[in-house]
Amino acid sequence: MVNFLRHLPPERFRPGVILLRPGPLADELRGHGWDVWVLPRHRMRNVLAVARAILAVRRLVRTEKISLLHSNGFRAHAYGGPAARLAGVPEVWSVHTVEQPGWSTRAILGVPTRHVTGNCPRTVDFFVRHGLPTSLIWPPVDTGDPAGHVPRAALAAKFRLPPHGRWLLQAARLQKYKGQHHLIRALAALPPALADVQAVIVGGSLFNMETGYPAELRQLATQLGVADRVHFTGFVEDDELRGLITASELVVHPAHDEDFGLIVAEAQALERPVLAFAAVGPAAIVEHEVTGRLVPVGDQTALNRELAGLLGDPAHLAALGRAGARRVAALFAAPAAGRRLAAVYDAVLAGRPPALAADRQPEPATA
């Protein structure tokens, strides 16, 4: 969302952000010069606290003369939709995944909104089927000179990584569907000539989901005899992640299900090729055999084969990385996403439907 807001036309839109809970994001947002309002921490199961938060958002809309609310995600829409309706302003709702059947999905789909933006064709199709006006806007990727990254030596010292080994990187929260176990198995299957290759796994458990999975991964690495070559960093800062990407030869993303996969695009923007399962998002981002490799979802044998083949040809890896940077710059650049979001805002504020619902492809960059 920060990338979207950074690339809105500043002469037409002045962003402000309402955070539903305190946290370090507030300082980052203020660093961009935006107004930031932080609501008191509370639990969604506390109905009275949720009602107070919705009324607080409504007051902000009125006192700050906010013209439009943009709710980022499932939870935010539960507040932004009712607050916008009460304040008499339109709401745009960004969705990032297909929702699972159940009472909570039925409830959230009943919250009023003026327009939905989805991050991939599958997500868009889900909300269109449920009768909501929805446009496709691919997530924005910074393709210019990154703000900076931590050098390899500093990363090796902080996270106890081998400073001279060859690094593979996977960055995702630790859940089984993200497929970190596939990376460990592929590492263990590499031939002896590639024994210096190390797997760097970035991320941790989130929202108390699958809290036993990290221990399972460590146990798997021990069982396969590669515990000394698998390294867990936990969550990292943005400049550390950029440093880890640039210090790695290849980013591996064996997720079973992925609507986009921002790390896949970010890696290619930094000239690092990607080996991934051909889930929805990676299949849109990676051009097979041009910017990286795609293998059938869940096919461990194919993943093992492709990993060994890619690592055995460093020159080819470098060529794939350069091609990936060109593709991301052409199709997923953040300025194009900002223009698309601005067009949605303009249409919603004018009371007409945005003209993006049928567009299924990323927007080529323009000079």
Protein backbone atom coordinates (compact mmCIF):
# COMPACT_ATOMS: atom_id res chain seq x y z
CA MET A 1 0.00 0.00 0.00
CA VAL A 2 2.89 2.37 0.72
CA ASN A 3 4.14 1.92 -2.84
CA PHE A 4 0.67 2.70 -4.20
CA LEU A 5 0.45 5.90 -2.17
CA ARG A 6 3.97 7.01 -3.05
CA HIS A 7 3.11 6.93 -6.75
CA LEU A 8 -0.23 8.71 -6.70
CA PRO A 9 -0.17 12.03 -8.61
CA PRO A 10 0.72 14.48 -5.79
CA GLU A 11 -1.04 17.39 -7.50
CA ARG A 12 -4.36 15.48 -7.27
CA PHE A 13 -4.19 13.36 -4.12
CA ARG A 14 -2.82 13.93 -0.63
CA PRO A 15 -2.62 10.59 1.21
CA GLY A 16 -3.27 10.12 4.88
CA VAL A 17 -3.26 6.81 6.76
CA ILE A 18 -5.43 5.55 9.61
CA LEU A 19 -3.79 2.66 11.45
CA LEU A 20 -5.99 0.27 13.41
CA ARG A 21 -3.28 -0.35 15.99
CA PRO A 22 0.00 1.23 17.14
CA GLY A 23 3.27 -0.03 15.66
CA PRO A 24 6.50 0.91 13.89
CA LEU A 25 4.71 1.48 10.56
CA ALA A 26 3.49 4.85 11.84
CA ASP A 27 6.97 6.37 11.84
CA GLU A 28 7.70 5.06 8.34
CA LEU A 29 4.49 6.60 7.03
CA ARG A 30 5.20 9.95 8.70
CA GLY A 31 8.61 9.84 7.06
CA HIS A 32 6.83 10.20 3.72
CA GLY A 33 5.22 13.42 4.95
CA TRP A 34 1.73 11.93 5.27
CA ASP A 35 -0.80 12.52 8.01
CA VAL A 36 -1.06 9.44 10.25
CA TRP A 37 -3.75 8.69 12.81
CA VAL A 38 -3.38 5.69 15.13
CA LEU A 39 -6.36 4.08 16.86
CA PRO A 40 -6.05 2.40 20.28
CA ARG A 41 -5.19 -1.29 20.23
CA HIS A 42 -8.20 -3.57 20.56
CA ARG A 43 -9.47 -7.02 19.59
CA MET A 44 -12.04 -7.55 16.84
CA ARG A 45 -13.97 -9.88 19.13
CA ASN A 46 -14.68 -6.86 21.36
CA VAL A 47 -17.77 -5.56 19.57
CA LEU A 48 -17.95 -2.31 21.56
CA ALA A 49 -14.29 -1.51 20.83
CA VAL A 50 -14.84 -2.16 17.13
CA ALA A 51 -17.87 0.13 17.13
CA ARG A 52 -15.84 2.86 18.85
CA ALA A 53 -13.09 2.46 16.24
CA ILE A 54 -15.58 2.75 13.36
CA LEU A 55 -17.03 5.92 14.91
CA ALA A 56 -13.49 7.27 15.37
CA VAL A 57 -12.79 6.74 11.69
CA ARG A 58 -16.05 8.48 10.80
CA ARG A 59 -15.05 11.48 12.95
CA LEU A 60 -11.67 11.66 11.24
CA VAL A 61 -13.30 11.61 7.82
CA ARG A 62 -15.51 14.54 8.78
CA THR A 63 -13.04 16.66 10.75
CA GLU A 64 -10.17 16.17 8.27
CA LYS A 65 -12.49 16.58 5.26
CA ILE A 66 -11.40 13.25 3.77
CA SER A 67 -12.95 12.66 0.34
CA LEU A 68 -12.44 8.89 0.04
CA LEU A 69 -11.52 5.97 2.28
CA HIS A 70 -9.34 3.16 0.93
CA SER A 71 -9.44 0.00 3.07
CA ASN A 72 -6.42 -2.22 2.67
CA GLY A 73 -7.41 -5.82 3.29
CA PHE A 74 -10.11 -7.89 4.98
CA ARG A 75 -9.80 -6.43 8.48
CA ALA A 76 -9.56 -2.82 7.33
CA HIS A 77 -12.75 -3.15 5.27
CA ALA A 78 -14.68 -4.22 8.37
CA TYR A 79 -13.95 -0.72 9.71
CA GLY A 80 -13.61 1.35 6.55
CA GLY A 81 -16.80 0.20 4.87
CA PRO A 82 -19.20 1.13 7.70
CA ALA A 83 -17.24 4.30 8.56
CA ALA A 84 -17.38 5.51 4.96
CA ARG A 85 -21.11 4.84 4.77
CA LEU A 86 -21.74 6.70 8.04
CA ALA A 87 -19.59 9.63 6.93
CA GLY A 88 -21.17 9.83 3.48
CA VAL A 89 -17.98 9.27 1.46
CA PRO A 90 -17.09 6.45 -0.97
CA GLU A 91 -14.83 3.55 -0.03
CA VAL A 92 -12.41 1.55 -2.19
CA TRP A 93 -11.42 -1.88 -0.85
CA SER A 94 -8.16 -3.62 -1.79
CA VAL A 95 -8.26 -7.42 -1.61
CA HIS A 96 -5.24 -9.69 -1.67
CA THR A 97 -6.61 -13.21 -1.76
CA VAL A 98 -9.67 -15.35 -2.39
CA GLU A 99 -11.66 -15.63 0.83
CA GLN A 100 -12.55 -19.01 2.30
CA PRO A 101 -16.21 -20.03 2.69
CA GLY A 102 -17.70 -19.30 6.08
CA TRP A 103 -19.68 -16.83 8.13
CA SER A 104 -16.86 -14.26 8.27
CA THR A 105 -16.62 -14.17 4.47
CA ARG A 106 -20.39 -13.81 4.13
CA ALA A 107 -20.29 -10.98 6.64
CA ILE A 108 -17.42 -9.09 5.00
CA LEU A 109 -18.97 -9.41 1.55
CA GLY A 110 -22.07 -7.75 2.95
CA VAL A 111 -20.17 -4.66 4.12
CA PRO A 112 -20.87 -1.87 1.61
CA THR A 113 -18.12 -0.65 -0.70
CA ARG A 114 -18.05 1.41 -3.88
CA HIS A 115 -15.30 -0.51 -5.66
CA VAL A 116 -12.84 -3.39 -5.11
CA THR A 117 -9.29 -3.69 -6.44
CA GLY A 118 -7.78 -7.18 -6.71
CA ASN A 119 -4.13 -8.19 -7.00
CA CYS A 120 -4.48 -10.98 -9.59
CA PRO A 121 -7.10 -12.38 -12.02
CA ARG A 122 -8.16 -15.16 -9.63
CA THR A 123 -8.89 -12.70 -6.82
CA VAL A 124 -10.77 -10.40 -9.18
CA ASP A 125 -12.89 -13.27 -10.50
CA PHE A 126 -13.85 -14.30 -6.95
CA PHE A 127 -15.23 -10.88 -6.03
CA VAL A 128 -16.90 -10.38 -9.42
CA ARG A 129 -18.72 -13.69 -8.91
CA HIS A 130 -20.01 -12.32 -5.62
CA GLY A 131 -21.46 -9.26 -7.33
CA LEU A 132 -18.86 -6.64 -6.37
CA PRO A 133 -17.49 -4.18 -8.97
CA THR A 134 -13.81 -5.16 -9.13
CA SER A 135 -10.73 -4.03 -11.04
CA LEU A 136 -7.34 -5.69 -11.43
CA ILE A 137 -4.34 -3.68 -10.30
CA TRP A 138 -1.12 -5.66 -10.03
CA PRO A 139 0.86 -4.86 -6.84
CA PRO A 140 3.47 -2.15 -7.40
CA VAL A 141 7.15 -3.05 -7.43
CA ASP A 142 9.93 -0.51 -7.01
CA THR A 143 12.18 -0.96 -10.04
CA GLY A 144 14.38 2.09 -9.66
CA ASP A 145 17.53 2.37 -7.61
CA PRO A 146 16.63 0.80 -4.24
CA ALA A 147 16.92 2.97 -1.16
CA GLY A 148 19.91 0.94 -0.05
CA HIS A 149 20.78 -2.49 1.22
CA VAL A 150 22.93 -4.03 3.92
CA PRO A 151 26.24 -5.46 2.63
CA ARG A 152 26.75 -9.22 2.54
CA ALA A 153 29.45 -9.18 5.23
CA ALA A 154 27.19 -7.39 7.68
CA LEU A 155 24.33 -9.78 6.94
CA ALA A 156 26.61 -12.79 7.42
CA ALA A 157 27.74 -11.45 10.79
CA LYS A 158 24.26 -10.58 12.04
CA PHE A 159 22.51 -13.77 10.95
CA ARG A 160 25.48 -16.15 11.31
CA LEU A 161 25.56 -16.98 7.62
CA PRO A 162 28.65 -18.45 5.91
CA PRO A 163 30.34 -15.41 4.33
CA HIS A 164 31.86 -17.33 1.42
CA GLY A 165 29.14 -19.85 0.55
CA ARG A 166 26.65 -19.63 -2.30
CA TRP A 167 23.29 -18.45 -0.99
CA LEU A 168 19.77 -19.43 -2.03
CA LEU A 169 16.98 -17.28 -0.61
CA GLN A 170 13.37 -17.86 0.26
CA ALA A 171 11.45 -15.04 1.96
CA ALA A 172 7.92 -15.77 3.16
CA ARG A 173 6.10 -16.30 6.43
CA LEU A 174 6.63 -19.79 7.80
CA GLN A 175 3.53 -21.71 6.75
CA LYS A 176 3.37 -25.06 4.99
CA TYR A 177 1.69 -23.73 1.87
CA LYS A 178 4.69 -21.42 1.34
CA GLY A 179 6.77 -24.56 0.81
CA GLN A 180 9.96 -24.02 2.80
CA HIS A 181 10.16 -27.80 3.23
CA HIS A 182 10.45 -28.15 -0.54
CA LEU A 183 13.49 -25.89 -0.53
CA ILE A 184 15.16 -27.93 2.21
CA ARG A 185 14.52 -31.17 0.33
CA ALA A 186 15.87 -29.67 -2.90
CA LEU A 187 18.99 -28.48 -1.09
CA ALA A 188 19.58 -31.97 0.30
CA ALA A 189 19.22 -33.45 -3.20
CA LEU A 190 21.98 -31.30 -4.73
CA PRO A 191 25.04 -33.19 -5.98
CA PRO A 192 28.27 -33.16 -3.90
CA ALA A 193 29.80 -30.58 -6.26
CA LEU A 194 27.27 -28.06 -4.92
CA ALA A 195 27.90 -28.77 -1.24
CA ASP A 196 28.80 -25.12 -0.62
CA VAL A 197 25.25 -23.95 -1.42
CA GLN A 198 23.36 -22.59 1.58
CA ALA A 199 19.63 -21.99 2.02
CA VAL A 200 18.69 -18.71 3.72
CA ILE A 201 15.06 -18.76 4.88
CA VAL A 202 13.62 -15.37 5.82
CA GLY A 203 10.38 -15.03 7.74
CA GLY A 204 8.61 -16.27 10.82
CA SER A 205 5.25 -17.34 12.16
CA LEU A 206 2.45 -14.79 11.85
CA PHE A 207 -0.90 -14.41 13.65
CA ASN A 208 -0.12 -17.55 15.71
CA MET A 209 -0.67 -19.74 12.65
CA GLU A 210 1.17 -23.08 12.32
CA THR A 211 3.51 -22.25 15.17
CA GLY A 212 4.97 -25.76 15.08
CA TYR A 213 6.10 -25.50 11.46
CA PRO A 214 9.51 -23.84 12.16
CA ALA A 215 10.46 -26.77 14.41
CA GLU A 216 9.34 -29.20 11.70
CA LEU A 217 11.60 -27.47 9.20
CA ARG A 218 14.61 -27.67 11.51
CA GLN A 219 13.88 -31.33 12.20
CA LEU A 220 13.62 -32.02 8.45
CA ALA A 221 16.97 -30.33 7.82
CA THR A 222 18.55 -32.47 10.54
CA GLN A 223 17.03 -35.67 9.16
CA LEU A 224 18.33 -34.89 5.66
CA GLY A 225 21.82 -34.02 6.91
CA VAL A 226 21.75 -30.35 5.87
CA ALA A 227 21.07 -28.62 9.19
CA ASP A 228 24.38 -26.77 8.91
CA ARG A 229 23.37 -25.43 5.47
CA VAL A 230 19.88 -24.16 6.36
CA HIS A 231 19.74 -20.77 8.06
CA PHE A 232 16.67 -19.06 9.54
CA THR A 233 16.80 -15.29 9.96
CA GLY A 234 13.29 -14.54 11.18
CA PHE A 235 11.69 -11.34 9.88
CA VAL A 236 14.15 -8.74 8.59
CA GLU A 237 14.17 -5.04 7.76
CA ASP A 238 13.60 -3.90 4.17
CA ASP A 239 17.23 -2.93 3.59
CA GLU A 240 18.33 -6.29 4.99
CA LEU A 241 15.98 -8.11 2.63
CA ARG A 242 17.35 -6.20 -0.35
CA GLY A 243 20.85 -7.11 0.80
CA LEU A 244 19.95 -10.77 1.13
CA ILE A 245 18.40 -10.78 -2.35
CA THR A 246 21.43 -9.20 -3.99
CA ALA A 247 23.83 -11.48 -2.07
CA SER A 248 21.98 -14.59 -3.26
CA GLU A 249 22.40 -16.30 -6.60
CA LEU A 250 18.80 -17.43 -6.83
CA VAL A 251 15.47 -16.85 -5.10
CA VAL A 252 13.38 -20.00 -4.63
CA HIS A 253 9.63 -19.69 -4.06
CA PRO A 254 7.99 -23.15 -3.89
CA ALA A 255 4.63 -21.90 -2.63
CA HIS A 256 1.66 -24.16 -3.37
CA ASP A 257 -0.71 -21.20 -3.65
CA GLU A 258 0.15 -17.56 -4.30
CA ASP A 259 -2.02 -14.77 -5.66
CA PHE A 260 0.98 -12.58 -6.47
CA GLY A 261 4.21 -13.15 -4.53
CA LEU A 262 5.86 -9.76 -4.11
CA ILE A 263 9.25 -11.30 -3.28
CA VAL A 264 9.26 -12.93 -6.74
CA ALA A 265 8.91 -9.55 -8.44
CA GLU A 266 11.28 -7.79 -6.02
CA ALA A 267 13.97 -10.39 -6.66
CA GLN A 268 13.70 -9.96 -10.40
CA ALA A 269 13.80 -6.17 -10.01
CA LEU A 270 17.19 -6.67 -8.31
CA GLU A 271 18.41 -8.91 -11.18
CA ARG A 272 18.04 -12.15 -9.30
CA PRO A 273 16.31 -15.02 -11.13
CA VAL A 274 13.53 -17.01 -9.50
CA LEU A 275 12.76 -20.71 -9.37
CA ALA A 276 9.14 -21.21 -8.33
CA PHE A 277 6.14 -23.46 -8.40
CA ALA A 278 3.78 -22.27 -11.14
CA ALA A 279 1.10 -20.89 -8.82
CA VAL A 280 -1.07 -18.03 -10.07
CA GLY A 281 1.17 -15.11 -9.07
CA PRO A 282 4.63 -16.48 -9.88
CA ALA A 283 3.34 -17.75 -13.23
CA ALA A 284 2.33 -14.17 -14.08
CA ILE A 285 5.62 -12.65 -12.91
CA VAL A 286 8.19 -15.19 -14.13
CA GLU A 287 8.62 -15.83 -17.84
CA HIS A 288 9.67 -19.48 -17.92
CA GLU A 289 13.21 -20.03 -19.23
CA VAL A 290 13.60 -16.28 -19.86
CA THR A 291 13.59 -14.70 -16.39
CA GLY A 292 13.60 -17.87 -14.29
CA ARG A 293 12.07 -21.32 -14.11
CA LEU A 294 8.59 -22.56 -13.24
CA VAL A 295 7.80 -26.15 -12.25
CA PRO A 296 4.43 -27.79 -11.58
CA VAL A 297 3.07 -27.05 -8.12
CA GLY A 298 4.21 -29.68 -5.63
CA ASP A 299 6.60 -31.45 -8.04
CA GLN A 300 9.60 -32.03 -5.81
CA THR A 301 11.52 -34.00 -8.44
CA ALA A 302 11.21 -31.19 -10.98
CA LEU A 303 12.24 -28.62 -8.37
CA ASN A 304 15.32 -30.66 -7.47
CA ARG A 305 16.29 -31.03 -11.13
CA GLU A 306 15.85 -27.38 -12.01
CA LEU A 307 17.71 -26.17 -8.92
CA ALA A 308 20.74 -28.32 -9.66
CA GLY A 309 20.70 -27.30 -13.31
CA LEU A 310 20.50 -23.58 -12.59
CA LEU A 311 23.22 -23.63 -9.94
CA GLY A 312 25.48 -25.49 -12.34
CA ASP A 313 25.41 -22.59 -14.83
CA PRO A 314 26.20 -19.25 -13.10
CA ALA A 315 26.44 -17.38 -16.42
CA HIS A 316 22.91 -18.47 -17.32
CA LEU A 317 21.69 -17.39 -13.88
CA ALA A 318 23.10 -13.93 -14.47
CA ALA A 319 21.40 -13.70 -17.87
CA LEU A 320 18.06 -14.75 -16.37
CA GLY A 321 18.48 -12.06 -13.70
CA ARG A 322 19.07 -9.31 -16.22
CA ALA A 323 16.03 -10.39 -18.24
CA GLY A 324 13.93 -10.47 -15.07
CA ALA A 325 14.82 -6.89 -14.21
CA ARG A 326 13.74 -5.76 -17.67
CA ARG A 327 10.43 -7.65 -17.41
CA VAL A 328 9.52 -6.28 -13.98
CA ALA A 329 10.39 -2.75 -15.05
CA ALA A 330 8.15 -3.13 -18.11
CA LEU A 331 5.14 -4.80 -16.50
CA PHE A 332 5.03 -4.22 -12.73
CA ALA A 333 6.63 -0.80 -12.19
CA ALA A 334 5.13 1.13 -9.30
CA PRO A 335 4.34 4.32 -11.30
CA ALA A 336 1.95 2.36 -13.56
CA ALA A 337 0.16 0.93 -10.50
CA GLY A 338 -0.14 4.45 -9.08
CA ARG A 339 -1.74 5.66 -12.31
CA ARG A 340 -4.23 2.80 -12.25
CA LEU A 341 -5.21 3.46 -8.64
CA ALA A 342 -5.58 7.18 -9.38
CA ALA A 343 -7.95 6.29 -12.23
CA VAL A 344 -10.06 4.22 -9.82
CA TYR A 345 -10.18 7.10 -7.34
CA ASP A 346 -11.18 9.56 -10.07
CA ALA A 347 -13.99 7.33 -11.29
CA VAL A 348 -15.33 6.55 -7.82
CA LEU A 349 -15.28 10.21 -6.79
CA ALA A 350 -17.09 11.09 -10.02
CA GLY A 351 -19.74 8.43 -9.37
CA ARG A 352 -18.91 6.34 -12.43
CA PRO A 353 -17.50 2.78 -12.69
CA PRO A 354 -13.74 2.49 -13.30
CA ALA A 355 -12.89 1.15 -16.76
CA LEU A 356 -10.39 -1.47 -15.62
CA ALA A 357 -12.46 -4.57 -14.81
CA ALA A 358 -11.73 -6.40 -18.09
CA ASP A 359 -7.96 -5.68 -18.11
CA ARG A 360 -6.10 -8.92 -17.33
CA GLN A 361 -2.52 -8.00 -18.16
CA PRO A 362 0.12 -5.90 -16.41
CA GLU A 363 0.51 -2.45 -17.89
CA PRO A 364 3.62 -1.94 -20.04
CA ALA A 365 5.84 0.88 -18.90
CA THR A 366 5.68 4.13 -20.87
CA ALA A 367 8.43 6.64 -21.39
